[in-house]
Each structure stands twice: as structure tokens, then as C-alpha cells.
Amino acid sequence: QAVKGVGEEIGGLYRREEIEWPVPSGELDLELPADTPFAKLFSRSKVRMRLAPAFETVFRRRSIDLQLPGGATALLCLDKGEIRAGAASEALCEAEIELVRGDAVALLDFAGSLRGEIPFRIGTQSKAERGYALAALNAGAVPAPVRAKSVTMNAADSAQEAFSTIVQSTAAQFHANERGFLEQVDPEYLHQLRVALRRLRAA
């Protein structure tokens, strides 16, 4: 049983608060989050009553320990299976690199070294986000293109920090529309990709 927070994304790296417990019975134990930052949420009777399965992930995982330059260590997880929501299902085939110890830059260097060796696309959605999206699609919701979000900077930011913030924003907009562009017929996905590239060139 796990509880995951929204977390944050910084330069292509994701940090999410995640707490896990072994639950031998396979049934939810709503008392377990009592000693976590999520205690108030799970103490609400309305929340407890409305909890219900939204989707299911069924996959096989292979984990490989990585020793990266500079002393960093990481875990490479290879997942293959599918996400199920009602009658809908979606293939799942992804590699996730999780930092165990050391500098996070080592993760980017390792991922960069794979370019040209293995055909892949960068995924910005977690399994949970993909599951909720599939459940919404199964319920009749229509996915929509993602427009640029407001960029927040501080007056004390250096030019390098401001540039980095803008580039991260354009990359997020591009990746958020990439899948829709490849799989949907709505031309707005292509338009939003072009907007992201124009913003990047302007920066």
C-alpha cells in the first residue's frame, strides 16, 4: 500500500513524496497514513467512503543497480505490462532511473548516453497520471491539448536561472502535447508544439 504526493519536476527530474507499507491481506488499511503528512486527508469520513479502484497496473519489473561516475548510485527499473481501467487498457513499457545516492546530474548524463543506442521517448506522466487519464477516457472524457503555463521568476534570479526556468517551461509544454500529436487528430496538439518551439527560440 502506498501514498504518493504530487511532488515537483525540476529540469526533467521528478521528486515525489512516497510512503509505502507491506499489506499482506491485500486490503486497504486506512489507519496506516495516521503518522504521515496525509493523516488529515484520510481521517475524513467522506474521503474514506468515496475511495474506490480507478485503474489497475499489471506489469513485470526488472531492477538493475547502477554505479555511475562520481560515486552516484541509482536503480534502473524496466517495466513492461499494461494499465487497465474498466474495459480500456493501454500498453506499458518504460524505463525509470531512480537516484539512490549522489548527484542527480549523473542521472541526466547516463540517460543522455543512451541516445542513439536505444530508441525511446521521454515520458513526463507517472503510471498514476496515465491511469487516471485512461479512466477519464474510458468514462467519455476527451483529452485536451496543453497550453503554456505562466512562468514564475524572482527578481533575484540570475540570467542563467531565468533562462533555465523558461527552457524547463517550454520543454514541459512540448512533452505534454507530444503524445496527443502522435496519437490524436486534433491539429491543436501540433499548434501547441509549435508554440513551445517558438518560445524556446525566443528564449
C-alpha atoms as a PDB file:
ATOM      1  CA  GLN A   1       0.000   0.000   0.000  1.00  0.00           C
ATOM      2  CA  ALA A   2       1.424   3.358  -0.969  1.00  0.00           C
ATOM      3  CA  VAL A   3       0.544   7.023  -0.705  1.00  0.00           C
ATOM      4  CA  LYS A   4       2.146   9.407  -3.173  1.00  0.00           C
ATOM      5  CA  GLY A   5       2.196  13.188  -3.148  1.00  0.00           C
ATOM      6  CA  VAL A   6       2.088  15.440  -6.200  1.00  0.00           C
ATOM      7  CA  GLY A   7       5.796  16.285  -5.964  1.00  0.00           C
ATOM      8  CA  GLU A   8       7.724  18.572  -8.269  1.00  0.00           C
ATOM      9  CA  GLU A   9       9.577  18.498 -11.561  1.00  0.00           C
ATOM     10  CA  ILE A  10      12.931  20.231 -11.963  1.00  0.00           C
ATOM     11  CA  GLY A  11      14.824  20.089 -15.235  1.00  0.00           C
ATOM     12  CA  GLY A  12      13.362  16.762 -16.293  1.00  0.00           C
ATOM     13  CA  LEU A  13      13.868  15.172 -12.883  1.00  0.00           C
ATOM     14  CA  TYR A  14      10.897  14.309 -10.663  1.00  0.00           C
ATOM     15  CA  ARG A  15      10.738  14.322  -6.884  1.00  0.00           C
ATOM     16  CA  ARG A  16       7.573  12.865  -5.359  1.00  0.00           C
ATOM     17  CA  GLU A  17       6.824  12.143  -1.725  1.00  0.00           C
ATOM     18  CA  GLU A  18       6.086   8.429  -1.465  1.00  0.00           C
ATOM     19  CA  ILE A  19       5.362   6.289   1.585  1.00  0.00           C
ATOM     20  CA  GLU A  20       4.901   2.516   1.378  1.00  0.00           C
ATOM     21  CA  TRP A  21       3.763  -0.242   3.744  1.00  0.00           C
ATOM     22  CA  PRO A  22       3.530  -4.025   3.290  1.00  0.00           C
ATOM     23  CA  VAL A  23      -0.133  -5.110   3.433  1.00  0.00           C
ATOM     24  CA  PRO A  24      -0.276  -8.941   3.460  1.00  0.00           C
ATOM     25  CA  SER A  25      -4.080  -9.081   3.317  1.00  0.00           C
ATOM     26  CA  GLY A  26      -4.314  -7.111   0.088  1.00  0.00           C
ATOM     27  CA  GLU A  27      -6.962  -4.876   1.673  1.00  0.00           C
ATOM     28  CA  LEU A  28      -6.569  -1.132   2.252  1.00  0.00           C
ATOM     29  CA  ASP A  29      -5.612  -0.192   5.804  1.00  0.00           C
ATOM     30  CA  LEU A  30      -6.715   3.420   6.238  1.00  0.00           C
ATOM     31  CA  GLU A  31      -5.091   3.700   9.661  1.00  0.00           C
ATOM     32  CA  LEU A  32      -1.569   3.409   8.248  1.00  0.00           C
ATOM     33  CA  PRO A  33      -1.370   7.040   6.976  1.00  0.00           C
ATOM     34  CA  ALA A  34      -2.131   8.335  10.511  1.00  0.00           C
ATOM     35  CA  ASP A  35       1.544   9.150  11.162  1.00  0.00           C
ATOM     36  CA  THR A  36       2.158  10.811   7.799  1.00  0.00           C
ATOM     37  CA  PRO A  37       1.544  14.280   6.302  1.00  0.00           C
ATOM     38  CA  PHE A  38      -1.577  12.759   4.682  1.00  0.00           C
ATOM     39  CA  ALA A  39      -3.226  11.917   8.033  1.00  0.00           C
ATOM     40  CA  LYS A  40      -5.790  14.741   7.891  1.00  0.00           C
ATOM     41  CA  LEU A  41      -6.944  13.737   4.402  1.00  0.00           C
ATOM     42  CA  PHE A  42      -7.521  10.082   5.288  1.00  0.00           C
ATOM     43  CA  SER A  43      -9.254  10.933   8.565  1.00  0.00           C
ATOM     44  CA  ARG A  44     -12.184  12.466   6.675  1.00  0.00           C
ATOM     45  CA  SER A  45     -15.200  10.175   6.525  1.00  0.00           C
ATOM     46  CA  LYS A  46     -16.197  11.450   3.070  1.00  0.00           C
ATOM     47  CA  VAL A  47     -12.785  10.511   1.698  1.00  0.00           C
ATOM     48  CA  ARG A  48     -12.949   7.040   3.228  1.00  0.00           C
ATOM     49  CA  MET A  49     -16.440   6.431   1.843  1.00  0.00           C
ATOM     50  CA  ARG A  50     -15.567   7.549  -1.673  1.00  0.00           C
ATOM     51  CA  LEU A  51     -12.352   5.526  -2.040  1.00  0.00           C
ATOM     52  CA  ALA A  52     -12.726   3.060  -4.910  1.00  0.00           C
ATOM     53  CA  PRO A  53     -10.466   1.499  -7.566  1.00  0.00           C
ATOM     54  CA  ALA A  54      -9.899   3.857 -10.507  1.00  0.00           C
ATOM     55  CA  PHE A  55      -7.440   1.773 -12.542  1.00  0.00           C
ATOM     56  CA  GLU A  56      -5.035  -1.150 -12.261  1.00  0.00           C
ATOM     57  CA  THR A  57      -1.399  -1.506 -13.319  1.00  0.00           C
ATOM     58  CA  VAL A  58      -0.213  -5.006 -14.152  1.00  0.00           C
ATOM     59  CA  PHE A  59       3.440  -5.271 -15.116  1.00  0.00           C
ATOM     60  CA  ARG A  60       6.653  -7.189 -14.647  1.00  0.00           C
ATOM     61  CA  ARG A  61       9.643  -5.249 -13.310  1.00  0.00           C
ATOM     62  CA  ARG A  62      13.334  -5.932 -13.707  1.00  0.00           C
ATOM     63  CA  SER A  63      15.628  -3.864 -11.467  1.00  0.00           C
ATOM     64  CA  ILE A  64      19.312  -3.224 -12.166  1.00  0.00           C
ATOM     65  CA  ASP A  65      21.748  -1.485  -9.782  1.00  0.00           C
ATOM     66  CA  LEU A  66      23.798   1.248 -11.446  1.00  0.00           C
ATOM     67  CA  GLN A  67      27.191   2.571 -10.379  1.00  0.00           C
ATOM     68  CA  LEU A  68      27.528   5.971 -12.032  1.00  0.00           C
ATOM     69  CA  PRO A  69      30.587   8.239 -12.422  1.00  0.00           C
ATOM     70  CA  GLY A  70      31.372  10.423  -9.427  1.00  0.00           C
ATOM     71  CA  GLY A  71      30.233   7.820  -6.916  1.00  0.00           C
ATOM     72  CA  ALA A  72      26.489   8.168  -7.584  1.00  0.00           C
ATOM     73  CA  THR A  73      24.344   5.054  -7.389  1.00  0.00           C
ATOM     74  CA  ALA A  74      20.938   4.545  -8.971  1.00  0.00           C
ATOM     75  CA  LEU A  75      18.321   1.929  -9.696  1.00  0.00           C
ATOM     76  CA  LEU A  76      17.250   1.247 -13.270  1.00  0.00           C
ATOM     77  CA  CYS A  77      13.743  -0.236 -13.369  1.00  0.00           C
ATOM     78  CA  LEU A  78      12.420  -1.782 -16.576  1.00  0.00           C
ATOM     79  CA  ASP A  79       8.627  -2.184 -16.517  1.00  0.00           C
ATOM     80  CA  LYS A  80       6.520  -3.991 -19.126  1.00  0.00           C
ATOM     81  CA  GLY A  81       2.808  -4.739 -18.911  1.00  0.00           C
ATOM     82  CA  GLU A  82      -0.381  -2.725 -19.151  1.00  0.00           C
ATOM     83  CA  ILE A  83      -2.663  -0.226 -17.439  1.00  0.00           C
ATOM     84  CA  ARG A  84      -6.332  -1.206 -17.131  1.00  0.00           C
ATOM     85  CA  ALA A  85      -9.356   0.973 -16.429  1.00  0.00           C
ATOM     86  CA  GLY A  86     -12.689  -0.735 -16.891  1.00  0.00           C
ATOM     87  CA  ALA A  87     -12.836  -2.127 -20.426  1.00  0.00           C
ATOM     88  CA  ALA A  88      -9.944   0.059 -21.594  1.00  0.00           C
ATOM     89  CA  SER A  89      -6.293  -0.921 -21.473  1.00  0.00           C
ATOM     90  CA  GLU A  90      -3.019   0.622 -22.533  1.00  0.00           C
ATOM     91  CA  ALA A  91       0.420  -0.904 -23.044  1.00  0.00           C
ATOM     92  CA  LEU A  92       3.094  -0.034 -20.507  1.00  0.00           C
ATOM     93  CA  CYS A  93       6.767  -0.238 -21.469  1.00  0.00           C
ATOM     94  CA  GLU A  94       9.104   2.133 -19.675  1.00  0.00           C
ATOM     95  CA  ALA A  95      12.463   2.579 -18.036  1.00  0.00           C
ATOM     96  CA  GLU A  96      12.737   4.564 -14.827  1.00  0.00           C
ATOM     97  CA  ILE A  97      16.029   5.666 -13.300  1.00  0.00           C
ATOM     98  CA  GLU A  98      15.832   6.404  -9.577  1.00  0.00           C
ATOM     99  CA  LEU A  99      18.677   8.096  -7.721  1.00  0.00           C
ATOM    100  CA  VAL A 100      19.766   6.231  -4.600  1.00  0.00           C
ATOM    101  CA  ARG A 101      22.770   8.314  -3.608  1.00  0.00           C
ATOM    102  CA  GLY A 102      24.907  11.086  -5.101  1.00  0.00           C
ATOM    103  CA  ASP A 103      24.487  13.934  -7.591  1.00  0.00           C
ATOM    104  CA  ALA A 104      21.305  13.915  -9.697  1.00  0.00           C
ATOM    105  CA  VAL A 105      23.273  15.273 -12.666  1.00  0.00           C
ATOM    106  CA  ALA A 106      24.716  11.768 -13.012  1.00  0.00           C
ATOM    107  CA  LEU A 107      21.204  10.552 -13.938  1.00  0.00           C
ATOM    108  CA  LEU A 108      20.963  13.048 -16.792  1.00  0.00           C
ATOM    109  CA  ASP A 109      24.428  12.098 -18.040  1.00  0.00           C
ATOM    110  CA  PHE A 110      23.516   8.399 -18.007  1.00  0.00           C
ATOM    111  CA  ALA A 111      20.189   8.996 -19.769  1.00  0.00           C
ATOM    112  CA  GLY A 112      21.978  11.142 -22.342  1.00  0.00           C
ATOM    113  CA  SER A 113      24.451   8.346 -23.024  1.00  0.00           C
ATOM    114  CA  LEU A 114      21.572   6.112 -24.150  1.00  0.00           C
ATOM    115  CA  ARG A 115      20.648   8.405 -27.049  1.00  0.00           C
ATOM    116  CA  GLY A 116      21.395   6.713 -30.343  1.00  0.00           C
ATOM    117  CA  GLU A 117      21.748   3.349 -28.615  1.00  0.00           C
ATOM    118  CA  ILE A 118      18.092   2.702 -27.765  1.00  0.00           C
ATOM    119  CA  PRO A 119      15.019   4.275 -29.436  1.00  0.00           C
ATOM    120  CA  PHE A 120      12.922   5.934 -26.712  1.00  0.00           C
ATOM    121  CA  ARG A 121      10.839   8.993 -25.886  1.00  0.00           C
ATOM    122  CA  ILE A 122      10.908  10.923 -22.649  1.00  0.00           C
ATOM    123  CA  GLY A 123       7.760  10.330 -20.613  1.00  0.00           C
ATOM    124  CA  THR A 124       6.523  13.026 -18.261  1.00  0.00           C
ATOM    125  CA  GLN A 125       3.494  11.195 -16.854  1.00  0.00           C
ATOM    126  CA  SER A 126       3.664   8.820 -13.892  1.00  0.00           C
ATOM    127  CA  LYS A 127       1.825   5.496 -14.037  1.00  0.00           C
ATOM    128  CA  ALA A 128      -0.851   7.031 -11.811  1.00  0.00           C
ATOM    129  CA  GLU A 129      -1.331  10.011 -14.115  1.00  0.00           C
ATOM    130  CA  ARG A 130      -1.613   7.685 -17.095  1.00  0.00           C
ATOM    131  CA  GLY A 131      -4.079   5.517 -15.176  1.00  0.00           C
ATOM    132  CA  TYR A 132      -6.340   8.422 -14.271  1.00  0.00           C
ATOM    133  CA  ALA A 133      -6.181   9.691 -17.872  1.00  0.00           C
ATOM    134  CA  LEU A 134      -7.192   6.243 -19.171  1.00  0.00           C
ATOM    135  CA  ALA A 135     -10.049   6.052 -16.654  1.00  0.00           C
ATOM    136  CA  ALA A 136     -11.270   9.502 -17.744  1.00  0.00           C
ATOM    137  CA  LEU A 137     -11.052   8.456 -21.396  1.00  0.00           C
ATOM    138  CA  ASN A 138     -12.986   5.282 -20.611  1.00  0.00           C
ATOM    139  CA  ALA A 139     -15.675   7.454 -18.991  1.00  0.00           C
ATOM    140  CA  GLY A 140     -16.040   9.514 -22.164  1.00  0.00           C
ATOM    141  CA  ALA A 141     -13.724  12.428 -21.402  1.00  0.00           C
ATOM    142  CA  VAL A 142     -11.826  13.882 -24.365  1.00  0.00           C
ATOM    143  CA  PRO A 143      -8.121  14.688 -23.778  1.00  0.00           C
ATOM    144  CA  ALA A 144      -7.236  18.288 -24.486  1.00  0.00           C
ATOM    145  CA  PRO A 145      -4.032  19.935 -25.713  1.00  0.00           C
ATOM    146  CA  VAL A 146      -1.939  21.601 -23.008  1.00  0.00           C
ATOM    147  CA  ARG A 147      -1.242  25.319 -23.247  1.00  0.00           C
ATOM    148  CA  ALA A 148       1.768  27.064 -21.775  1.00  0.00           C
ATOM    149  CA  LYS A 149       1.652  27.782 -18.065  1.00  0.00           C
ATOM    150  CA  SER A 150       2.720  31.091 -16.565  1.00  0.00           C
ATOM    151  CA  VAL A 151       6.435  31.265 -15.849  1.00  0.00           C
ATOM    152  CA  THR A 152       7.322  32.475 -12.354  1.00  0.00           C
ATOM    153  CA  MET A 153      10.713  34.060 -11.726  1.00  0.00           C
ATOM    154  CA  ASN A 154      12.221  36.048  -8.890  1.00  0.00           C
ATOM    155  CA  ALA A 155      13.882  39.437  -9.183  1.00  0.00           C
ATOM    156  CA  ALA A 156      16.994  37.963  -7.578  1.00  0.00           C
ATOM    157  CA  ASP A 157      17.335  35.220 -10.226  1.00  0.00           C
ATOM    158  CA  SER A 158      20.446  35.335 -12.370  1.00  0.00           C
ATOM    159  CA  ALA A 159      20.148  35.355 -16.160  1.00  0.00           C
ATOM    160  CA  GLN A 160      21.167  31.696 -16.146  1.00  0.00           C
ATOM    161  CA  GLU A 161      18.466  30.783 -13.611  1.00  0.00           C
ATOM    162  CA  ALA A 162      15.806  32.747 -15.522  1.00  0.00           C
ATOM    163  CA  PHE A 163      16.815  31.096 -18.800  1.00  0.00           C
ATOM    164  CA  SER A 164      16.707  27.665 -17.180  1.00  0.00           C
ATOM    165  CA  THR A 165      13.179  28.333 -15.849  1.00  0.00           C
ATOM    166  CA  ILE A 166      11.945  29.363 -19.302  1.00  0.00           C
ATOM    167  CA  VAL A 167      13.544  26.366 -21.034  1.00  0.00           C
ATOM    168  CA  GLN A 168      12.010  23.970 -18.491  1.00  0.00           C
ATOM    169  CA  SER A 169       8.598  25.548 -19.117  1.00  0.00           C
ATOM    170  CA  THR A 170       8.885  25.175 -22.901  1.00  0.00           C
ATOM    171  CA  ALA A 171      10.082  21.565 -22.559  1.00  0.00           C
ATOM    172  CA  ALA A 172       7.144  20.755 -20.268  1.00  0.00           C
ATOM    173  CA  GLN A 173       4.678  22.222 -22.772  1.00  0.00           C
ATOM    174  CA  PHE A 174       6.286  20.317 -25.650  1.00  0.00           C
ATOM    175  CA  HIS A 175       6.292  16.947 -23.863  1.00  0.00           C
ATOM    176  CA  ALA A 176       2.721  17.439 -22.605  1.00  0.00           C
ATOM    177  CA  ASN A 177       1.477  17.669 -26.216  1.00  0.00           C
ATOM    178  CA  GLU A 178       3.813  15.189 -27.910  1.00  0.00           C
ATOM    179  CA  ARG A 179       1.692  12.100 -27.316  1.00  0.00           C
ATOM    180  CA  GLY A 180      -1.512  13.829 -28.398  1.00  0.00           C
ATOM    181  CA  PHE A 181       0.215  14.964 -31.587  1.00  0.00           C
ATOM    182  CA  LEU A 182       1.310  11.385 -32.355  1.00  0.00           C
ATOM    183  CA  GLU A 183      -1.982   9.676 -31.478  1.00  0.00           C
ATOM    184  CA  GLN A 184      -4.831  12.213 -31.888  1.00  0.00           C
ATOM    185  CA  VAL A 185      -6.252  14.001 -34.929  1.00  0.00           C
ATOM    186  CA  ASP A 186      -6.773  17.388 -33.256  1.00  0.00           C
ATOM    187  CA  PRO A 187      -4.404  19.854 -35.015  1.00  0.00           C
ATOM    188  CA  GLU A 188      -4.248  21.936 -31.820  1.00  0.00           C
ATOM    189  CA  TYR A 189      -1.617  19.499 -30.486  1.00  0.00           C
ATOM    190  CA  LEU A 190       0.663  20.418 -33.390  1.00  0.00           C
ATOM    191  CA  HIS A 191      -0.061  24.108 -32.798  1.00  0.00           C
ATOM    192  CA  GLN A 192       0.950  23.826 -29.130  1.00  0.00           C
ATOM    193  CA  LEU A 193       4.171  22.012 -30.122  1.00  0.00           C
ATOM    194  CA  ARG A 194       4.993  24.898 -32.432  1.00  0.00           C
ATOM    195  CA  VAL A 195       4.180  27.417 -29.689  1.00  0.00           C
ATOM    196  CA  ALA A 196       6.595  25.609 -27.357  1.00  0.00           C
ATOM    197  CA  LEU A 197       9.355  25.671 -30.000  1.00  0.00           C
ATOM    198  CA  ARG A 198       8.745  29.368 -30.744  1.00  0.00           C
ATOM    199  CA  ARG A 199       9.003  30.169 -27.045  1.00  0.00           C
ATOM    200  CA  LEU A 200      12.260  28.202 -26.878  1.00  0.00           C
ATOM    201  CA  ARG A 201      13.726  30.022 -29.900  1.00  0.00           C
ATOM    202  CA  ALA A 202      12.655  33.355 -28.406  1.00  0.00           C
ATOM    203  CA  ALA A 203      14.419  32.474 -25.160  1.00  0.00           C
END
